[in-house]
N, C-alpha and C. Protein backbone atom coordinates (compact mmCIF):
# COMPACT_ATOMS: atom_id res chain seq x y z
N MET A 1 145.05 61.08 -21.33
CA MET A 1 145.41 59.84 -22.47
C MET A 1 147.03 60.41 -22.46
N HIS A 2 147.68 58.83 -22.40
CA HIS A 2 149.27 58.78 -22.57
C HIS A 2 149.46 58.57 -23.99
N THR A 3 150.61 59.39 -24.52
CA THR A 3 151.13 59.52 -25.77
C THR A 3 152.48 58.69 -25.72
N PRO A 4 152.68 57.72 -26.18
CA PRO A 4 154.00 56.74 -26.12
C PRO A 4 155.28 57.78 -26.27
N ASP A 5 156.08 57.82 -26.04
CA ASP A 5 157.56 58.64 -26.17
C ASP A 5 157.89 57.94 -27.87
N LEU A 6 158.45 58.78 -28.48
CA LEU A 6 159.43 58.38 -29.78
C LEU A 6 159.34 57.32 -29.69
N ILE A 7 160.64 57.22 -28.89
CA ILE A 7 161.20 55.90 -28.50
C ILE A 7 161.19 54.94 -29.02
N ILE A 8 159.70 54.85 -28.51
CA ILE A 8 158.81 53.24 -28.48
C ILE A 8 158.37 53.41 -30.22
N THR A 9 158.00 54.47 -31.07
CA THR A 9 157.61 53.88 -32.31
C THR A 9 158.59 53.96 -33.03
N ARG A 10 159.99 54.14 -32.68
CA ARG A 10 161.41 54.17 -33.88
C ARG A 10 162.00 52.79 -33.53
N LYS A 11 161.50 51.65 -33.07
CA LYS A 11 162.12 50.50 -32.44
C LYS A 11 161.64 49.55 -32.97
N VAL A 12 162.51 48.58 -33.78
CA VAL A 12 162.39 47.29 -34.18
C VAL A 12 162.03 46.25 -32.87
N TYR A 13 160.77 45.76 -32.70
CA TYR A 13 159.84 44.88 -32.36
C TYR A 13 160.44 43.12 -32.37
N ASN A 14 160.67 42.39 -31.87
CA ASN A 14 161.20 41.15 -32.15
C ASN A 14 159.91 40.51 -32.52
N GLU A 15 158.76 40.68 -32.49
CA GLU A 15 157.45 39.86 -33.03
C GLU A 15 157.45 40.77 -34.17
N SER A 16 157.42 41.72 -34.56
CA SER A 16 157.31 42.84 -35.77
C SER A 16 158.60 41.70 -37.11
N LEU A 17 159.47 41.78 -36.29
CA LEU A 17 160.44 41.47 -37.10
C LEU A 17 160.51 39.70 -37.44
N ASN A 18 159.74 38.97 -36.71
CA ASN A 18 159.83 37.66 -36.96
C ASN A 18 158.07 37.34 -38.08
N ASN A 19 157.58 38.35 -37.35
CA ASN A 19 156.39 38.53 -38.53
C ASN A 19 156.78 38.79 -40.14
N LEU A 20 158.04 39.91 -40.17
CA LEU A 20 158.18 40.03 -41.46
C LEU A 20 159.23 39.23 -41.86
N LYS A 21 159.90 38.26 -41.02
CA LYS A 21 160.92 37.06 -41.41
C LYS A 21 159.64 36.21 -42.05
N ASP A 22 158.53 35.70 -41.52
CA ASP A 22 157.70 34.42 -41.75
C ASP A 22 157.22 35.20 -43.10
N LYS A 23 156.65 36.49 -43.09
CA LYS A 23 156.06 36.52 -44.34
C LYS A 23 156.99 36.41 -45.82
N THR A 24 158.33 37.26 -45.76
CA THR A 24 159.27 37.17 -46.78
C THR A 24 159.63 35.60 -46.71
N GLU A 25 159.81 34.88 -46.08
CA GLU A 25 160.24 33.33 -46.28
C GLU A 25 158.25 33.03 -47.32
N GLU A 26 157.68 33.28 -46.60
CA GLU A 26 156.42 32.76 -47.40
C GLU A 26 156.14 33.30 -48.68
N ILE A 27 156.70 34.51 -49.29
CA ILE A 27 156.58 35.21 -50.34
C ILE A 27 157.34 34.70 -51.28
N ILE A 28 158.72 34.13 -50.60
CA ILE A 28 159.64 33.93 -51.47
C ILE A 28 159.51 32.31 -51.94
N LYS A 29 158.96 31.30 -50.80
CA LYS A 29 158.62 30.05 -51.26
C LYS A 29 157.45 29.99 -52.22
N LYS A 30 156.32 30.97 -52.20
CA LYS A 30 155.11 30.91 -53.16
C LYS A 30 155.43 31.45 -54.17
N TYR A 31 155.81 32.35 -54.73
CA TYR A 31 156.58 32.95 -55.90
C TYR A 31 157.70 32.87 -56.22
N LYS A 32 158.49 32.29 -56.79
CA LYS A 32 159.59 31.59 -57.17
C LYS A 32 160.95 32.52 -57.72
N SER A 33 160.20 33.25 -58.20
CA SER A 33 160.58 34.39 -59.16
C SER A 33 160.48 35.98 -59.06
N CYS A 34 159.60 36.17 -57.43
CA CYS A 34 159.91 37.31 -57.10
C CYS A 34 161.03 37.55 -56.36
N ALA A 35 161.38 39.18 -56.56
CA ALA A 35 162.27 39.69 -55.89
C ALA A 35 161.61 40.71 -54.73
N VAL A 36 162.38 40.25 -53.47
CA VAL A 36 161.58 41.16 -52.42
C VAL A 36 162.34 42.24 -51.50
N LEU A 37 161.94 43.16 -51.45
CA LEU A 37 162.37 44.34 -50.99
C LEU A 37 161.71 44.81 -49.80
N TRP A 38 162.26 45.71 -48.64
CA TRP A 38 161.48 45.76 -47.37
C TRP A 38 161.21 47.22 -47.39
N THR A 39 160.05 48.03 -46.76
CA THR A 39 159.91 49.10 -46.74
C THR A 39 159.67 49.77 -45.21
N VAL A 40 160.29 50.51 -44.14
CA VAL A 40 160.25 50.82 -42.95
C VAL A 40 160.00 51.84 -42.80
N HIS A 41 159.88 52.67 -41.95
CA HIS A 41 159.83 54.24 -41.58
C HIS A 41 161.07 54.86 -41.27
N PHE A 42 161.71 54.48 -40.36
CA PHE A 42 162.66 54.97 -40.10
C PHE A 42 163.75 54.35 -40.57
N ALA A 43 165.17 55.24 -41.07
CA ALA A 43 166.06 54.32 -41.70
C ALA A 43 167.14 53.88 -41.00
N PRO A 44 167.70 52.64 -40.90
CA PRO A 44 168.18 51.73 -40.23
C PRO A 44 169.53 52.74 -40.19
N LYS A 45 170.20 52.65 -39.17
CA LYS A 45 171.76 53.10 -39.00
C LYS A 45 171.93 54.89 -39.62
N PHE A 46 170.91 55.46 -39.49
CA PHE A 46 171.00 56.69 -40.53
C PHE A 46 171.66 57.42 -39.85
N GLU A 47 171.48 57.61 -38.26
CA GLU A 47 172.39 58.34 -37.74
C GLU A 47 173.95 58.30 -37.69
N THR A 48 174.39 57.25 -37.79
CA THR A 48 176.06 56.86 -37.75
C THR A 48 176.09 57.16 -39.17
N GLN A 49 175.52 57.09 -40.36
CA GLN A 49 175.89 57.44 -41.65
C GLN A 49 176.41 58.97 -42.00
N PHE A 50 175.35 59.69 -41.19
CA PHE A 50 174.89 61.19 -41.78
C PHE A 50 175.43 61.78 -39.88
N ASN A 51 176.45 61.63 -39.15
CA ASN A 51 176.77 62.03 -38.00
C ASN A 51 175.24 63.14 -37.66
N LEU A 52 174.16 62.23 -37.46
CA LEU A 52 173.25 63.45 -36.96
C LEU A 52 172.63 62.90 -35.55
N ASP A 53 171.69 63.30 -34.89
CA ASP A 53 171.26 63.31 -33.48
C ASP A 53 170.62 61.89 -33.36
N ASP A 54 170.58 61.51 -32.38
CA ASP A 54 169.50 60.06 -32.16
C ASP A 54 168.16 60.18 -32.45
N ALA A 55 167.42 61.20 -32.46
CA ALA A 55 166.45 61.66 -33.19
C ALA A 55 165.48 60.74 -34.41
N MET A 56 166.84 60.21 -34.88
CA MET A 56 166.95 59.38 -36.35
C MET A 56 167.16 58.14 -36.25
N THR A 57 167.23 57.84 -35.10
CA THR A 57 167.77 56.44 -34.65
C THR A 57 166.67 55.57 -34.98
N LEU A 58 166.65 54.19 -35.43
CA LEU A 58 165.94 53.01 -35.55
C LEU A 58 166.66 52.31 -34.22
N ILE A 59 165.62 52.04 -33.08
CA ILE A 59 166.51 51.25 -32.04
C ILE A 59 166.30 49.97 -32.47
N GLY A 60 167.36 49.08 -32.55
CA GLY A 60 167.13 47.49 -33.28
C GLY A 60 167.84 47.36 -34.55
N SER A 61 168.13 48.56 -34.97
CA SER A 61 168.89 48.51 -36.74
C SER A 61 169.42 47.04 -36.75
N ASP A 62 170.26 46.38 -35.57
CA ASP A 62 171.50 45.61 -36.41
C ASP A 62 170.50 44.32 -36.38
N SER A 63 169.73 44.48 -35.73
CA SER A 63 168.74 43.16 -35.89
C SER A 63 167.78 43.17 -37.20
N LEU A 64 167.15 44.17 -37.80
CA LEU A 64 166.84 44.43 -38.79
C LEU A 64 167.72 44.03 -39.96
N ILE A 65 168.78 44.46 -40.35
CA ILE A 65 170.22 44.31 -40.88
C ILE A 65 170.32 42.78 -41.12
N LYS A 66 170.31 42.41 -39.94
CA LYS A 66 171.17 40.92 -39.98
C LYS A 66 170.04 40.06 -40.81
N MET A 67 169.01 40.10 -40.32
CA MET A 67 167.43 39.39 -40.54
C MET A 67 167.40 39.73 -42.02
N ALA A 68 167.53 41.10 -43.02
CA ALA A 68 167.51 41.09 -44.23
C ALA A 68 168.80 40.19 -45.24
N GLN A 69 169.83 40.13 -44.12
CA GLN A 69 170.75 39.89 -44.72
C GLN A 69 170.71 37.86 -44.69
N SER A 70 170.12 37.65 -43.36
CA SER A 70 170.30 35.87 -44.13
C SER A 70 169.05 35.64 -44.85
N LEU A 71 167.88 36.52 -45.14
CA LEU A 71 166.68 36.12 -46.39
C LEU A 71 167.46 36.76 -47.35
N GLY A 72 168.51 37.10 -47.77
CA GLY A 72 168.57 37.64 -49.34
C GLY A 72 168.04 38.82 -49.26
N VAL A 73 167.72 39.91 -49.09
CA VAL A 73 166.68 40.84 -48.97
C VAL A 73 167.76 42.17 -48.90
N GLU A 74 168.03 42.46 -49.95
CA GLU A 74 169.14 43.42 -50.54
C GLU A 74 168.96 44.82 -49.99
N HIS A 75 167.30 45.04 -50.28
CA HIS A 75 167.10 46.40 -50.62
C HIS A 75 165.85 46.76 -49.59
N ILE A 76 166.14 47.97 -48.69
CA ILE A 76 165.53 48.50 -47.92
C ILE A 76 165.14 49.84 -48.15
N PHE A 77 163.78 50.32 -48.28
CA PHE A 77 163.30 51.50 -48.58
C PHE A 77 162.84 52.20 -47.48
N CYS A 78 163.00 53.65 -47.21
CA CYS A 78 162.96 54.12 -45.96
C CYS A 78 162.49 55.55 -46.26
N GLY A 79 161.72 56.28 -44.86
CA GLY A 79 161.65 57.43 -44.90
C GLY A 79 161.59 58.53 -43.65
N HIS A 80 161.01 59.17 -43.18
CA HIS A 80 161.10 59.80 -41.90
C HIS A 80 161.88 60.90 -41.84
N THR A 81 163.15 60.88 -42.57
CA THR A 81 164.37 61.99 -42.33
C THR A 81 164.11 63.18 -43.46
N HIS A 82 162.92 62.89 -44.36
CA HIS A 82 162.94 64.03 -45.16
C HIS A 82 164.25 64.51 -46.09
N LEU A 83 165.25 63.55 -45.75
CA LEU A 83 166.67 63.72 -46.87
C LEU A 83 166.86 62.41 -47.43
N ASN A 84 167.22 62.75 -48.79
CA ASN A 84 167.01 61.67 -49.61
C ASN A 84 168.84 61.46 -50.33
N ARG A 85 168.59 59.82 -49.52
CA ARG A 85 170.17 59.70 -49.22
C ARG A 85 170.25 58.09 -49.19
N PHE A 86 171.40 57.40 -49.77
CA PHE A 86 171.50 55.95 -50.32
C PHE A 86 172.92 55.65 -49.44
N TYR A 87 172.78 54.39 -49.27
CA TYR A 87 173.92 54.03 -48.53
C TYR A 87 173.64 52.49 -48.07
N THR A 88 175.14 51.70 -48.23
CA THR A 88 175.01 50.66 -47.80
C THR A 88 175.73 50.05 -46.28
N LEU A 89 174.72 49.27 -45.94
CA LEU A 89 174.93 48.45 -44.48
C LEU A 89 175.45 46.73 -44.88
N GLY A 90 175.69 46.17 -43.64
CA GLY A 90 176.30 44.94 -43.74
C GLY A 90 177.63 44.64 -43.98
N GLU A 91 177.67 43.41 -43.36
CA GLU A 91 179.25 42.56 -43.59
C GLU A 91 179.35 42.14 -44.82
N ASP A 92 179.22 40.71 -45.09
CA ASP A 92 179.38 39.91 -46.35
C ASP A 92 178.27 40.33 -47.16
N VAL A 93 176.89 40.22 -46.86
CA VAL A 93 175.92 40.26 -47.74
C VAL A 93 175.59 42.08 -47.51
N ARG A 94 175.47 42.76 -48.81
CA ARG A 94 175.21 44.17 -48.10
C ARG A 94 173.85 45.02 -48.52
N VAL A 95 173.26 45.52 -47.43
CA VAL A 95 171.75 46.03 -47.75
C VAL A 95 172.06 47.12 -47.87
N HIS A 96 171.20 47.46 -48.81
CA HIS A 96 171.12 49.09 -49.98
C HIS A 96 170.29 49.69 -48.87
N ILE A 97 170.38 50.76 -48.20
CA ILE A 97 169.09 51.65 -47.76
C ILE A 97 169.07 52.41 -48.44
N HIS A 98 167.81 52.84 -49.09
CA HIS A 98 167.28 53.97 -50.09
C HIS A 98 166.32 54.75 -48.91
N CYS A 99 166.66 56.05 -48.55
CA CYS A 99 165.96 56.78 -47.62
C CYS A 99 165.02 57.77 -48.65
N ALA A 100 164.12 58.54 -48.93
CA ALA A 100 163.31 59.33 -49.50
C ALA A 100 163.59 60.40 -48.87
N GLY A 101 163.70 61.60 -49.65
CA GLY A 101 163.83 62.79 -49.42
C GLY A 101 162.25 63.26 -49.47
N THR A 102 161.83 64.75 -49.35
CA THR A 102 160.51 65.12 -48.71
C THR A 102 160.01 65.25 -50.10
N SER A 103 159.06 64.98 -50.35
CA SER A 103 157.75 65.53 -51.45
C SER A 103 156.68 66.40 -50.99
N THR A 104 156.58 66.58 -49.51
CA THR A 104 155.38 67.61 -49.14
C THR A 104 155.90 68.76 -47.92
N CYS A 105 156.95 68.53 -47.41
CA CYS A 105 157.44 69.47 -46.70
C CYS A 105 158.18 70.89 -46.85
N THR A 106 157.44 71.77 -46.95
CA THR A 106 157.94 73.42 -47.28
C THR A 106 159.25 73.70 -46.47
N SER A 107 159.59 73.06 -45.09
CA SER A 107 160.66 73.75 -44.54
C SER A 107 161.46 72.69 -44.23
N SER A 108 161.74 71.77 -45.31
CA SER A 108 162.47 70.99 -45.24
C SER A 108 164.13 71.44 -45.24
N ARG A 109 164.77 70.67 -45.12
CA ARG A 109 166.66 71.20 -45.61
C ARG A 109 166.71 70.77 -47.14
N GLU A 110 166.07 70.53 -47.50
CA GLU A 110 166.27 70.13 -48.97
C GLU A 110 164.96 70.27 -49.86
N ASP A 111 165.53 70.43 -50.80
CA ASP A 111 164.09 70.82 -52.05
C ASP A 111 163.29 69.67 -51.73
N THR A 112 161.76 70.18 -52.28
CA THR A 112 161.07 69.50 -52.34
C THR A 112 160.89 68.79 -53.57
N THR A 113 161.02 67.48 -53.62
CA THR A 113 161.26 66.58 -54.99
C THR A 113 160.47 65.11 -54.37
N ILE A 114 160.14 64.69 -55.23
CA ILE A 114 159.52 63.17 -55.47
C ILE A 114 160.84 62.19 -56.31
N HIS A 115 161.09 61.09 -55.57
CA HIS A 115 162.40 60.17 -56.24
C HIS A 115 161.44 59.44 -56.69
N LEU A 116 161.07 59.06 -57.95
CA LEU A 116 160.88 58.12 -58.71
C LEU A 116 161.81 56.53 -58.91
N ARG A 117 161.56 55.56 -58.34
CA ARG A 117 162.50 54.16 -58.30
C ARG A 117 161.67 53.61 -59.42
N ASN A 118 162.49 53.16 -60.43
CA ASN A 118 162.20 52.06 -61.09
C ASN A 118 162.85 50.97 -61.17
N ILE A 119 162.55 49.65 -60.68
CA ILE A 119 163.44 48.93 -59.88
C ILE A 119 163.20 47.56 -60.93
N MET A 120 164.36 47.28 -61.70
CA MET A 120 164.55 46.20 -62.71
C MET A 120 164.86 44.97 -61.96
N ILE A 121 164.24 43.53 -62.45
CA ILE A 121 164.48 42.38 -61.88
C ILE A 121 164.99 41.37 -63.07
N GLU A 122 166.13 40.72 -62.50
CA GLU A 122 166.41 39.63 -63.40
C GLU A 122 166.60 38.43 -62.27
N ASN A 123 166.23 37.23 -63.22
CA ASN A 123 166.30 35.99 -62.21
C ASN A 123 165.91 36.08 -60.74
N ASN A 124 164.80 36.77 -60.70
CA ASN A 124 164.32 37.21 -59.11
C ASN A 124 165.32 37.88 -58.07
N GLN A 125 166.19 38.61 -58.65
CA GLN A 125 167.00 39.48 -58.38
C GLN A 125 166.78 41.23 -58.60
N ILE A 126 167.03 41.62 -57.33
CA ILE A 126 167.20 43.27 -58.10
C ILE A 126 168.52 43.70 -58.87
N SER A 127 168.24 43.88 -59.92
CA SER A 127 169.29 44.02 -60.83
C SER A 127 169.90 45.30 -61.01
N ASP A 128 168.92 46.41 -60.60
CA ASP A 128 169.39 47.70 -60.76
C ASP A 128 168.17 48.55 -60.49
N ILE A 129 168.24 49.79 -60.30
CA ILE A 129 167.49 50.66 -59.60
C ILE A 129 167.96 52.24 -60.07
N GLU A 130 167.06 52.56 -60.84
CA GLU A 130 167.10 53.68 -61.38
C GLU A 130 166.18 54.73 -60.94
N ILE A 131 166.77 56.40 -61.05
CA ILE A 131 165.98 57.21 -59.74
C ILE A 131 165.84 58.28 -60.97
N ASP A 132 164.80 58.66 -60.95
CA ASP A 132 164.27 60.00 -61.61
C ASP A 132 164.00 61.23 -60.63
N HIS A 133 164.50 62.18 -60.56
CA HIS A 133 163.96 63.12 -59.54
C HIS A 133 163.12 64.44 -60.05
N PHE A 134 162.21 64.70 -59.24
CA PHE A 134 161.35 65.34 -59.87
C PHE A 134 161.22 66.55 -58.73
N LYS A 135 162.06 67.61 -59.10
CA LYS A 135 161.89 68.70 -58.19
C LYS A 135 160.38 70.02 -58.17
N TYR A 136 160.04 70.00 -57.48
CA TYR A 136 159.37 70.99 -57.23
C TYR A 136 159.49 72.55 -57.53
N ILE A 137 158.56 73.05 -58.54
CA ILE A 137 158.96 74.56 -58.85
C ILE A 137 157.76 75.27 -58.45
N GLU A 138 157.79 75.99 -57.58
CA GLU A 138 156.61 76.80 -56.88
C GLU A 138 156.39 77.76 -57.94
N SER A 139 157.08 78.65 -59.01
CA SER A 139 156.44 79.77 -59.91
C SER A 139 155.63 78.76 -60.65
N ASP A 140 155.81 77.52 -61.36
CA ASP A 140 154.75 76.85 -61.89
C ASP A 140 153.99 75.77 -61.23
N ASN A 141 154.08 75.78 -59.93
CA ASN A 141 153.24 74.91 -59.33
C ASN A 141 153.39 73.64 -59.61
N SER A 142 154.44 72.95 -60.28
CA SER A 142 154.97 71.67 -60.91
C SER A 142 155.75 71.33 -60.68
N PHE A 143 155.96 69.43 -60.76
CA PHE A 143 157.22 68.95 -60.45
C PHE A 143 157.85 68.80 -61.76
N GLN A 144 158.99 68.79 -61.78
CA GLN A 144 159.87 68.74 -63.04
C GLN A 144 160.88 67.94 -63.01
N LEU A 145 161.26 67.25 -64.25
CA LEU A 145 162.08 66.19 -64.04
C LEU A 145 163.80 67.20 -64.36
N GLU A 146 164.33 66.64 -62.75
CA GLU A 146 165.96 66.90 -63.19
C GLU A 146 167.01 66.09 -63.58
N ILE A 147 167.52 66.76 -64.77
CA ILE A 147 168.31 66.67 -65.49
C ILE A 147 169.65 65.95 -65.18
N ASN A 148 170.19 66.38 -64.57
CA ASN A 148 171.41 66.36 -63.95
C ASN A 148 171.62 65.90 -62.36
N ALA A 149 170.33 65.33 -61.68
CA ALA A 149 170.36 64.98 -60.33
C ALA A 149 171.00 63.73 -60.36
N GLN A 150 171.54 63.34 -59.35
CA GLN A 150 172.44 62.27 -58.65
C GLN A 150 171.37 61.43 -58.16
């Protein structure tokens, strides 16, 4: 049995991007007061933001960001990296990337945390995203809110 290379699974495919475009346009048209955000597994342009190796690269990130900009999608949530990071891409229209940290990986480079996002919407736009960080405390076998987390 042939297992595809990782490079294949971390690429923005034109057909998938067009499907995402069509679905986004459909939702915007059908639900006039709806704010749209996208979720993807691999973080766009993550490696260039944090000087990491190519294994973190979402191949075709530019096309994803350009499509988000053209549709007015300003927030993309993603994972894969096990690093809790926030950064902004794009030229005229900014696209904010929210990269989740790890909640289940004990060998991570960072603490095991859950990052709860509270998304505020005003006039069919995301006006603010508040984040509460819950850090895993092994001695208590529980997650506790971090008061001074950024």
